[in-house]
C-alpha atoms as a PDB file:
ATOM      1  CA  MET A   1     -27.989  20.447 -35.963  1.00  0.00           C
ATOM      2  CA  THR A   2     -30.784  17.883 -35.790  1.00  0.00           C
ATOM      3  CA  THR A   3     -30.510  14.523 -34.134  1.00  0.00           C
ATOM      4  CA  ASN A   4     -31.999  11.321 -35.608  1.00  0.00           C
ATOM      5  CA  PRO A   5     -34.383   9.843 -33.146  1.00  0.00           C
ATOM      6  CA  GLY A   6     -33.377   6.331 -34.165  1.00  0.00           C
ATOM      7  CA  THR A   7     -29.629   7.241 -33.375  1.00  0.00           C
ATOM      8  CA  SER A   8     -30.667   8.588 -29.899  1.00  0.00           C
ATOM      9  CA  LEU A   9     -32.712   5.489 -29.174  1.00  0.00           C
ATOM     10  CA  LEU A  10     -29.737   3.170 -30.163  1.00  0.00           C
ATOM     11  CA  ALA A  11     -27.312   5.123 -28.065  1.00  0.00           C
ATOM     12  CA  ALA A  12     -29.689   5.038 -25.059  1.00  0.00           C
ATOM     13  CA  SER A  13     -30.110   1.283 -25.592  1.00  0.00           C
ATOM     14  CA  VAL A  14     -26.336   0.646 -25.703  1.00  0.00           C
ATOM     15  CA  LEU A  15     -25.911   2.612 -22.559  1.00  0.00           C
ATOM     16  CA  VAL A  16     -28.620   0.826 -20.612  1.00  0.00           C
ATOM     17  CA  SER A  17     -27.214  -2.561 -21.799  1.00  0.00           C
ATOM     18  CA  ALA A  18     -23.724  -1.675 -20.698  1.00  0.00           C
ATOM     19  CA  LEU A  19     -24.938  -0.620 -17.240  1.00  0.00           C
ATOM     20  CA  ALA A  20     -27.036  -3.849 -16.940  1.00  0.00           C
ATOM     21  CA  PHE A  21     -24.136  -6.086 -17.647  1.00  0.00           C
ATOM     22  CA  ALA A  22     -21.561  -4.121 -15.607  1.00  0.00           C
ATOM     23  CA  ALA A  23     -20.048  -5.990 -12.640  1.00  0.00           C
ATOM     24  CA  PRO A  24     -21.626  -5.066  -9.342  1.00  0.00           C
ATOM     25  CA  ALA A  25     -19.591  -3.189  -6.816  1.00  0.00           C
ATOM     26  CA  LYS A  26     -18.068  -5.357  -4.117  1.00  0.00           C
ATOM     27  CA  ALA A  27     -19.576  -4.533  -0.817  1.00  0.00           C
ATOM     28  CA  GLN A  28     -17.092  -3.505   1.889  1.00  0.00           C
ATOM     29  CA  SER A  29     -16.895  -5.636   5.029  1.00  0.00           C
ATOM     30  CA  ARG A  30     -17.377  -3.950   8.410  1.00  0.00           C
ATOM     31  CA  GLY A  31     -13.703  -4.442   9.064  1.00  0.00           C
ATOM     32  CA  GLU A  32     -12.712  -2.805   5.749  1.00  0.00           C
ATOM     33  CA  LEU A  33     -15.085   0.089   6.418  1.00  0.00           C
ATOM     34  CA  LEU A  34     -13.733   0.662   9.890  1.00  0.00           C
ATOM     35  CA  TYR A  35     -10.108   0.489   8.686  1.00  0.00           C
ATOM     36  CA  SER A  36     -10.716   2.845   5.720  1.00  0.00           C
ATOM     37  CA  THR A  37     -12.605   5.249   7.817  1.00  0.00           C
ATOM     38  CA  HIS A  38     -10.297   5.421  10.793  1.00  0.00           C
ATOM     39  CA  CYS A  39      -6.883   3.975   9.900  1.00  0.00           C
ATOM     40  CA  ILE A  40      -5.901   4.383   6.208  1.00  0.00           C
ATOM     41  CA  ALA A  41      -4.891   8.007   6.678  1.00  0.00           C
ATOM     42  CA  CYS A  42      -1.758   6.876   8.429  1.00  0.00           C
ATOM     43  CA  HIS A  43      -1.480   3.153   7.460  1.00  0.00           C
ATOM     44  CA  THR A  44      -0.770   2.674   3.809  1.00  0.00           C
ATOM     45  CA  SER A  45      -0.565  -0.863   2.412  1.00  0.00           C
ATOM     46  CA  GLN A  46       3.092  -0.631   2.502  1.00  0.00           C
ATOM     47  CA  MET A  47       3.085  -0.497   6.308  1.00  0.00           C
ATOM     48  CA  HIS A  48       1.795  -4.137   6.265  1.00  0.00           C
ATOM     49  CA  TRP A  49       4.597  -5.386   4.119  1.00  0.00           C
ATOM     50  CA  ARG A  50       7.394  -3.807   5.751  1.00  0.00           C
ATOM     51  CA  ASP A  51      10.294  -5.935   7.275  1.00  0.00           C
ATOM     52  CA  ASN A  52       9.825  -4.763  10.870  1.00  0.00           C
ATOM     53  CA  LYS A  53       6.099  -5.255  11.231  1.00  0.00           C
ATOM     54  CA  MET A  54       4.845  -5.780  14.712  1.00  0.00           C
ATOM     55  CA  ALA A  55       2.224  -8.344  13.733  1.00  0.00           C
ATOM     56  CA  THR A  56       3.814 -11.780  13.413  1.00  0.00           C
ATOM     57  CA  ASP A  57       0.782 -13.965  14.027  1.00  0.00           C
ATOM     58  CA  TRP A  58      -3.001 -13.699  14.545  1.00  0.00           C
ATOM     59  CA  ASN A  59      -2.733 -12.852  18.253  1.00  0.00           C
ATOM     60  CA  SER A  60      -0.146 -10.085  17.715  1.00  0.00           C
ATOM     61  CA  LEU A  61      -2.147  -8.747  14.848  1.00  0.00           C
ATOM     62  CA  GLU A  62      -5.237  -8.484  16.968  1.00  0.00           C
ATOM     63  CA  ALA A  63      -3.145  -6.905  19.769  1.00  0.00           C
ATOM     64  CA  GLN A  64      -1.984  -4.178  17.366  1.00  0.00           C
ATOM     65  CA  VAL A  65      -5.576  -3.476  16.251  1.00  0.00           C
ATOM     66  CA  ARG A  66      -6.669  -3.383  19.917  1.00  0.00           C
ATOM     67  CA  ARG A  67      -3.667  -1.067  20.803  1.00  0.00           C
ATOM     68  CA  TRP A  68      -4.154   1.415  18.001  1.00  0.00           C
ATOM     69  CA  GLN A  69      -8.039   1.679  18.366  1.00  0.00           C
ATOM     70  CA  ALA A  70      -7.430   2.470  22.167  1.00  0.00           C
ATOM     71  CA  ALA A  71      -4.537   4.943  21.287  1.00  0.00           C
ATOM     72  CA  ASN A  72      -7.026   6.713  18.929  1.00  0.00           C
ATOM     73  CA  MET A  73      -9.862   6.528  21.425  1.00  0.00           C
ATOM     74  CA  LEU A  74     -12.171   4.883  18.848  1.00  0.00           C
ATOM     75  CA  GLN A  75     -14.052   2.804  21.473  1.00  0.00           C
ATOM     76  CA  TRP A  76     -14.499  -0.256  19.210  1.00  0.00           C
ATOM     77  CA  ASN A  77     -16.124  -3.155  20.752  1.00  0.00           C
ATOM     78  CA  GLU A  78     -14.879  -6.788  20.481  1.00  0.00           C
ATOM     79  CA  ASP A  79     -16.759  -7.461  17.286  1.00  0.00           C
ATOM     80  CA  ASP A  80     -15.216  -4.374  15.627  1.00  0.00           C
ATOM     81  CA  ILE A  81     -11.692  -5.338  16.711  1.00  0.00           C
ATOM     82  CA  GLY A  82     -12.289  -8.830  15.427  1.00  0.00           C
ATOM     83  CA  GLU A  83     -13.635  -7.507  12.118  1.00  0.00           C
ATOM     84  CA  VAL A  84     -10.668  -5.110  11.386  1.00  0.00           C
ATOM     85  CA  THR A  85      -8.368  -7.935  12.568  1.00  0.00           C
ATOM     86  CA  ARG A  86     -10.054 -10.319  10.035  1.00  0.00           C
ATOM     87  CA  TYR A  87      -9.882  -7.779   7.264  1.00  0.00           C
ATOM     88  CA  LEU A  88      -6.272  -7.059   7.634  1.00  0.00           C
ATOM     89  CA  ASN A  89      -5.476 -10.714   7.890  1.00  0.00           C
ATOM     90  CA  ASP A  90      -7.468 -11.600   4.833  1.00  0.00           C
ATOM     91  CA  SER A  91      -5.960  -8.713   2.855  1.00  0.00           C
ATOM     92  CA  TYR A  92      -2.376  -8.668   3.973  1.00  0.00           C
ATOM     93  CA  TYR A  93      -1.120 -11.165   6.508  1.00  0.00           C
ATOM     94  CA  HIS A  94      -2.796 -14.476   5.954  1.00  0.00           C
ATOM     95  CA  PHE A  95      -1.833 -15.758   9.408  1.00  0.00           C
ATOM     96  CA  ALA A  96      -3.608 -18.850  10.644  1.00  0.00           C
ATOM     97  CA  ARG A  97      -6.618 -17.900  12.714  1.00  0.00           C
ATOM     98  CA  VAL A  98      -6.550 -18.662  16.353  1.00  0.00           C
ATOM     99  CA  VAL A  99      -9.817 -20.153  17.666  1.00  0.00           C
ATOM    100  CA  VAL A 100     -10.290 -19.581  21.360  1.00  0.00           C
ATOM    101  CA  PRO A 101     -12.616 -22.036  23.056  1.00  0.00           C
END
């Protein structure tokens, strides 16, 4: 079986064009990366939509992030806790953010 060089060139051009116009992948935030690395094994998205959720506002959501990172000995710093809280809030909860002076 022989291949027409023109056909191969056309196929390659179509492939390169398709790749060039493909939407770029969305970069994960630090909070999303930490959550997907350390938490998603136990916490499916359904957990955040359940009726008896323990997070009822920004402060309680942050307290739960702090609690579970400590329980799992993750040793996250304040920025990590804030990033995961922000990711969860932006993705699931949509609580008003509390600004502490």
